[in-house]
Amino acid sequence: MRALIVSPGGPLLTQDVPEPEPRPDEALVEVRHASANFGELRHAAGLPPGTVMGYDAAGVVLRPASDGSGPGAGERVVAFGAGAWAERAAFPTGSLAVVPAGADLAEAAALPLAGLTALRTIRAAGPVLGRRLLVTGASGGVGRYAVQLARRAGAYVIASVGAPGRGEGLRELGADEVVVGLDGLAPVDVVLELTGGPALVRCWELLRPGGSLQSVGWASGEPAVLPPGWNFSLGPARTLSSFGDVSEPGPDLAYLAGLLTSGGLSAEVAWRGSWERIGEASRALLGRRLAGKIVMDL
């Protein structure tokens, strides 16, 4: 079968690789669509040559798990797991969700990594109803999902972007305010921080007593230098939390797929085309010329 792999020279290439051999708790999926994320593309060159890329996929179950778990043959599914950018991939059944008939399978492929990240970081921040919630880097895949899900949860959503044009469409997704940068903002209760570097430091300063800062990404690539005494403030403790829990994503994928089907969530696909054009798509995303998700058709 063919897969998108890391080549010794750096660019991603479609190449023949061995067929996957599913474990008893894994289903074999024919991948129809796959989605690429900023971090995957940015750090691809650091992976061993020959690595099959990707984590986000949607397709059809070819062979159910031999232990009897998970969806049956012929079911349309969305999946999260390593080696997703291939014609066929094996996924643990706990990492699969059936895609309802009313949902576009290509849009479902855009859900896993970015959607799970947004959903779980908002959940980790606790109840947000009526609270001021700031999303930095809001124009990207995670940011656009976060704006929508935070609004559904009842937050007052402030979407911060790096340039005026990057904020297009965010109000329609549910942002109460769209701002460029972080200057002049009033204090907030919750931050979903996707930029890292100086932005993380500034967001900590904006956080009210008792507030929660969820450190999700580090798109800036710059260090964050916290001043002496940064960890002291009067009143209820502020918290700074890391993110990385993608265990047992199946139920959350099912929830996101349900929202997609009902019209309660937009996949925000900014680029769609053949996986043979991954180089073109990658350059556009890393060059900040896309706002949203990449979906590849296999």
Protein backbone atom coordinates (compact mmCIF):
# COMPACT_ATOMS: atom_id res chain seq x y z
CA MET A 1 0.00 0.00 0.00
CA ARG A 2 1.01 3.64 -0.30
CA ALA A 3 1.63 6.02 2.57
CA LEU A 4 3.01 9.49 3.17
CA ILE A 5 6.39 9.04 4.81
CA VAL A 6 9.29 11.15 6.02
CA SER A 7 12.03 11.04 3.39
CA PRO A 8 15.77 11.28 4.18
CA GLY A 9 15.91 14.63 2.37
CA GLY A 10 13.11 16.17 4.43
CA PRO A 11 10.02 16.47 2.19
CA LEU A 12 7.10 14.08 2.64
CA LEU A 13 6.70 11.47 -0.09
CA THR A 14 4.06 8.92 -1.04
CA GLN A 15 5.80 5.54 -1.09
CA ASP A 16 5.00 1.84 -0.87
CA VAL A 17 5.14 0.50 2.69
CA PRO A 18 4.15 -2.83 4.27
CA GLU A 19 0.50 -3.46 5.11
CA PRO A 20 -0.38 -2.88 8.79
CA GLU A 21 -0.89 -5.92 10.99
CA PRO A 22 -3.73 -5.09 13.42
CA ARG A 23 -3.62 -6.28 17.03
CA PRO A 24 -6.73 -8.04 18.40
CA ASP A 25 -8.13 -4.73 19.69
CA GLU A 26 -7.48 -2.85 16.43
CA ALA A 27 -9.68 -2.39 13.37
CA LEU A 28 -8.24 -2.14 9.87
CA VAL A 29 -9.51 1.03 8.21
CA GLU A 30 -9.45 2.03 4.56
CA VAL A 31 -8.48 5.69 4.87
CA ARG A 32 -10.45 7.96 2.53
CA HIS A 33 -9.38 11.32 3.97
CA ALA A 34 -6.64 12.53 6.33
CA SER A 35 -5.95 15.83 8.04
CA ALA A 36 -2.63 17.57 8.65
CA ASN A 37 -1.86 19.70 11.69
CA PHE A 38 0.64 22.55 12.10
CA GLY A 39 2.82 20.74 14.62
CA GLU A 40 3.03 17.54 12.57
CA LEU A 41 4.25 19.41 9.51
CA ARG A 42 6.57 21.70 11.45
CA HIS A 43 8.41 18.84 13.16
CA ALA A 44 8.25 16.21 10.40
CA ALA A 45 11.92 16.63 9.48
CA GLY A 46 12.91 15.57 13.01
CA LEU A 47 11.30 12.13 12.67
CA PRO A 48 13.22 9.05 11.49
CA PRO A 49 13.17 8.58 7.70
CA GLY A 50 10.48 6.11 6.67
CA THR A 51 8.05 7.12 9.45
CA VAL A 52 4.45 6.97 8.25
CA MET A 53 3.04 10.39 9.07
CA GLY A 54 -0.20 11.61 10.56
CA TYR A 55 -2.76 11.07 13.31
CA ASP A 56 -6.10 12.20 11.84
CA ALA A 57 -8.12 10.05 9.44
CA ALA A 58 -11.61 9.13 8.33
CA GLY A 59 -12.62 6.13 6.27
CA VAL A 60 -14.38 2.79 6.25
CA VAL A 61 -13.72 -0.28 8.40
CA LEU A 62 -12.34 -3.07 6.23
CA ARG A 63 -11.82 -5.60 9.01
CA PRO A 64 -13.23 -5.25 12.53
CA ALA A 65 -11.12 -5.93 15.59
CA SER A 66 -10.75 -9.66 16.17
CA ASP A 67 -11.62 -9.27 19.87
CA GLY A 68 -15.15 -8.24 18.89
CA SER A 69 -14.86 -4.63 20.06
CA GLY A 70 -15.61 -1.53 18.04
CA PRO A 71 -17.45 -0.81 14.81
CA GLY A 72 -18.22 -3.48 12.24
CA ALA A 73 -17.10 -3.90 8.64
CA GLY A 74 -18.37 -1.19 6.33
CA GLU A 75 -18.93 1.38 9.09
CA ARG A 76 -17.79 4.94 8.35
CA VAL A 77 -15.41 6.06 11.09
CA VAL A 78 -13.20 8.90 12.25
CA ALA A 79 -9.91 7.80 13.81
CA PHE A 80 -7.02 9.12 15.86
CA GLY A 81 -3.69 7.30 15.89
CA ALA A 82 -0.15 7.17 14.53
CA GLY A 83 0.38 6.23 10.90
CA ALA A 84 -2.91 7.69 9.69
CA TRP A 85 -1.65 9.05 6.37
CA ALA A 86 -1.80 5.73 4.55
CA GLU A 87 -4.22 3.89 2.30
CA ARG A 88 -4.91 1.49 5.16
CA ALA A 89 -4.23 1.92 8.86
CA ALA A 90 -4.84 -0.04 12.06
CA PHE A 91 -6.45 1.88 14.93
CA PRO A 92 -7.38 0.74 18.46
CA THR A 93 -11.15 0.55 18.70
CA GLY A 94 -11.01 2.97 21.64
CA SER A 95 -9.64 5.55 19.18
CA LEU A 96 -12.50 5.22 16.68
CA ALA A 97 -15.97 6.73 16.44
CA VAL A 98 -18.71 6.04 13.94
CA VAL A 99 -19.47 9.01 11.71
CA PRO A 100 -23.24 9.60 11.47
CA ALA A 101 -24.79 9.34 8.02
CA GLY A 102 -25.45 13.07 7.77
CA ALA A 103 -21.80 14.10 8.20
CA ASP A 104 -19.25 14.65 5.45
CA LEU A 105 -16.48 12.08 5.90
CA ALA A 106 -13.82 14.53 4.67
CA GLU A 107 -14.87 17.10 7.27
CA ALA A 108 -14.87 14.41 9.97
CA ALA A 109 -11.18 13.78 9.18
CA ALA A 110 -10.43 17.32 10.37
CA LEU A 111 -11.78 16.64 13.87
CA PRO A 112 -9.38 14.41 15.85
CA LEU A 113 -6.23 16.16 17.06
CA ALA A 114 -7.42 19.76 16.90
CA GLY A 115 -10.96 19.00 18.06
CA LEU A 116 -9.84 16.80 20.95
CA THR A 117 -7.32 19.42 22.05
CA ALA A 118 -9.90 22.21 22.10
CA LEU A 119 -12.56 20.10 23.80
CA ARG A 120 -10.33 18.67 26.51
CA THR A 121 -8.57 21.92 27.40
CA ILE A 122 -11.88 23.74 27.80
CA ARG A 123 -13.13 20.88 29.96
CA ALA A 124 -9.92 21.00 32.05
CA ALA A 125 -10.48 24.69 32.75
CA GLY A 126 -13.70 23.87 34.60
CA PRO A 127 -17.09 25.58 34.20
CA VAL A 128 -16.80 28.56 31.83
CA LEU A 129 -20.43 29.74 31.78
CA GLY A 130 -20.40 33.53 31.99
CA ARG A 131 -16.61 33.68 32.28
CA ARG A 132 -14.20 35.67 30.10
CA LEU A 133 -12.25 33.14 28.03
CA LEU A 134 -9.32 34.15 25.83
CA VAL A 135 -8.08 32.04 22.91
CA THR A 136 -4.68 33.00 21.49
CA GLY A 137 -3.72 31.88 18.00
CA ALA A 138 -7.45 31.66 17.39
CA SER A 139 -7.19 31.57 13.59
CA GLY A 140 -5.68 28.05 13.48
CA GLY A 141 -7.34 24.66 13.60
CA VAL A 142 -7.38 24.28 17.39
CA GLY A 143 -8.28 27.93 17.88
CA ARG A 144 -11.32 27.82 15.60
CA TYR A 145 -12.67 24.74 17.35
CA ALA A 146 -11.96 26.32 20.74
CA VAL A 147 -13.94 29.45 19.86
CA GLN A 148 -16.95 27.36 18.86
CA LEU A 149 -16.86 24.98 21.82
CA ALA A 150 -16.24 27.73 24.38
CA ARG A 151 -19.22 29.67 23.06
CA ARG A 152 -21.38 26.52 23.30
CA ALA A 153 -20.26 26.20 26.93
CA GLY A 154 -21.50 29.71 27.68
CA ALA A 155 -18.21 31.64 27.85
CA TYR A 156 -17.65 35.21 26.74
CA VAL A 157 -15.06 34.43 24.05
CA ILE A 158 -12.17 36.71 23.11
CA ALA A 159 -10.26 35.53 20.03
CA SER A 160 -6.73 36.86 19.63
CA VAL A 161 -4.99 36.67 16.23
CA GLY A 162 -1.63 37.77 14.89
CA ALA A 163 -2.84 40.00 12.05
CA PRO A 164 -6.14 41.69 11.08
CA GLY A 165 -6.88 39.35 8.18
CA ARG A 166 -6.45 36.27 10.37
CA GLY A 167 -9.59 37.09 12.33
CA GLU A 168 -11.95 36.61 9.41
CA GLY A 169 -14.93 34.42 10.26
CA LEU A 170 -14.24 34.17 14.00
CA ARG A 171 -17.21 36.28 15.03
CA GLU A 172 -19.47 34.04 12.96
CA LEU A 173 -18.04 31.05 14.84
CA GLY A 174 -18.97 32.60 18.19
CA ALA A 175 -16.25 35.06 19.24
CA ASP A 176 -17.63 38.04 21.16
CA GLU A 177 -14.43 39.98 20.49
CA VAL A 178 -11.70 39.54 17.89
CA VAL A 179 -8.46 41.33 18.76
CA VAL A 180 -5.02 41.59 17.19
CA GLY A 181 -2.39 40.80 19.81
CA LEU A 182 -3.00 41.16 23.54
CA ASP A 183 -2.54 44.85 24.28
CA GLY A 184 -5.33 46.67 26.05
CA LEU A 185 -7.27 43.60 27.15
CA ALA A 186 -9.12 43.55 30.44
CA PRO A 187 -8.37 40.62 32.81
CA VAL A 188 -9.76 37.21 31.91
CA ASP A 189 -10.81 34.08 33.79
CA VAL A 190 -9.57 31.40 31.38
CA VAL A 191 -6.91 31.32 28.67
CA LEU A 192 -6.40 28.69 25.98
CA GLU A 193 -2.85 29.63 25.03
CA LEU A 194 -1.68 28.33 21.64
CA THR A 195 1.20 30.68 20.84
CA GLY A 196 3.78 30.26 23.60
CA GLY A 197 6.75 32.52 24.19
CA PRO A 198 6.04 36.12 25.24
CA ALA A 199 2.29 35.59 24.66
CA LEU A 200 2.18 33.00 27.44
CA VAL A 201 3.81 35.46 29.85
CA ARG A 202 1.38 38.21 28.88
CA CYS A 203 -1.59 35.84 29.28
CA TRP A 204 -0.45 34.93 32.79
CA GLU A 205 -0.43 38.64 33.63
CA LEU A 206 -3.98 38.99 32.28
CA LEU A 207 -5.30 36.13 34.40
CA ARG A 208 -7.61 37.02 37.26
CA PRO A 209 -7.15 35.45 40.73
CA GLY A 210 -8.53 31.92 40.59
CA GLY A 211 -8.10 31.84 36.82
CA SER A 212 -6.87 28.97 34.65
CA LEU A 213 -4.26 29.17 31.88
CA GLN A 214 -4.21 26.09 29.65
CA SER A 215 -0.88 25.95 27.79
CA VAL A 216 -1.78 24.11 24.59
CA GLY A 217 0.73 24.98 21.87
CA TRP A 218 3.95 26.84 21.13
CA ALA A 219 3.50 28.12 17.58
CA SER A 220 5.86 31.07 18.16
CA GLY A 221 8.88 28.85 18.78
CA GLU A 222 10.15 31.50 21.21
CA PRO A 223 11.04 31.04 24.89
CA ALA A 224 8.77 32.30 27.65
CA VAL A 225 10.72 34.32 30.24
CA LEU A 226 8.74 34.71 33.45
CA PRO A 227 9.81 37.55 35.75
CA PRO A 228 10.81 37.00 39.39
CA GLY A 229 7.74 36.67 41.58
CA TRP A 230 5.50 35.59 38.71
CA ASN A 231 4.06 32.79 40.85
CA PHE A 232 2.73 35.06 43.61
CA SER A 233 -0.65 36.80 43.59
CA LEU A 234 -3.18 37.71 46.24
CA GLY A 235 -6.46 35.84 46.33
CA PRO A 236 -7.41 32.41 44.99
CA ALA A 237 -4.58 30.60 43.23
CA ARG A 238 -4.10 30.94 39.49
CA THR A 239 -3.15 27.75 37.65
CA LEU A 240 -0.93 27.03 34.64
CA SER A 241 -1.67 23.62 33.10
CA SER A 242 0.01 21.57 30.42
CA PHE A 243 -1.87 19.53 27.83
CA GLY A 244 -1.17 16.17 26.27
CA ASP A 245 -3.90 13.73 27.26
CA VAL A 246 -5.22 12.04 24.12
CA SER A 247 -6.01 8.72 25.80
CA GLU A 248 -9.24 6.89 24.88
CA PRO A 249 -10.42 9.50 22.39
CA GLY A 250 -13.34 7.46 21.01
CA PRO A 251 -16.18 8.95 23.11
CA ASP A 252 -14.99 12.50 22.56
CA LEU A 253 -14.62 11.87 18.82
CA ALA A 254 -18.20 10.59 18.80
CA TYR A 255 -19.35 13.77 20.56
CA LEU A 256 -17.52 15.99 18.05
CA ALA A 257 -18.83 13.98 15.09
CA GLY A 258 -22.35 14.38 16.47
CA LEU A 259 -21.93 18.15 16.67
CA LEU A 260 -20.58 18.19 13.12
CA THR A 261 -23.62 16.25 11.91
CA SER A 262 -26.13 18.49 13.68
CA GLY A 263 -24.52 21.70 12.46
CA GLY A 264 -23.31 22.58 15.96
CA LEU A 265 -19.66 22.57 14.90
CA SER A 266 -17.90 23.69 11.72
CA ALA A 267 -14.84 21.74 10.59
CA GLU A 268 -13.29 24.93 9.16
CA VAL A 269 -11.48 23.23 6.28
CA ALA A 270 -9.21 25.85 4.69
CA TRP A 271 -7.52 23.58 2.11
CA ARG A 272 -8.61 20.32 0.53
CA GLY A 273 -6.90 18.36 -2.23
CA SER A 274 -5.00 15.22 -3.16
CA TRP A 275 -2.44 13.92 -0.69
CA GLU A 276 0.06 14.15 -3.55
CA ARG A 277 -0.11 17.93 -2.99
CA ILE A 278 0.95 17.80 0.67
CA GLY A 279 4.04 19.91 -0.08
CA GLU A 280 1.88 22.75 -1.39
CA ALA A 281 -0.52 22.52 1.55
CA SER A 282 2.32 22.34 4.06
CA ARG A 283 4.01 25.46 2.73
CA ALA A 284 0.71 27.35 2.86
CA LEU A 285 -0.03 26.32 6.46
CA LEU A 286 3.48 26.89 7.82
CA GLY A 287 3.64 30.20 5.95
CA ARG A 288 0.47 31.38 7.76
CA ARG A 289 -1.46 31.60 4.48
CA LEU A 290 -4.22 29.26 5.71
CA ALA A 291 -6.65 29.81 8.57
CA GLY A 292 -8.18 26.47 9.47
CA LYS A 293 -7.60 22.83 8.63
CA ILE A 294 -5.92 20.88 5.82
CA VAL A 295 -7.79 17.81 4.52
CA MET A 296 -6.16 15.42 2.08
CA ASP A 297 -8.11 13.08 -0.21
CA LEU A 298 -6.54 9.65 -0.64
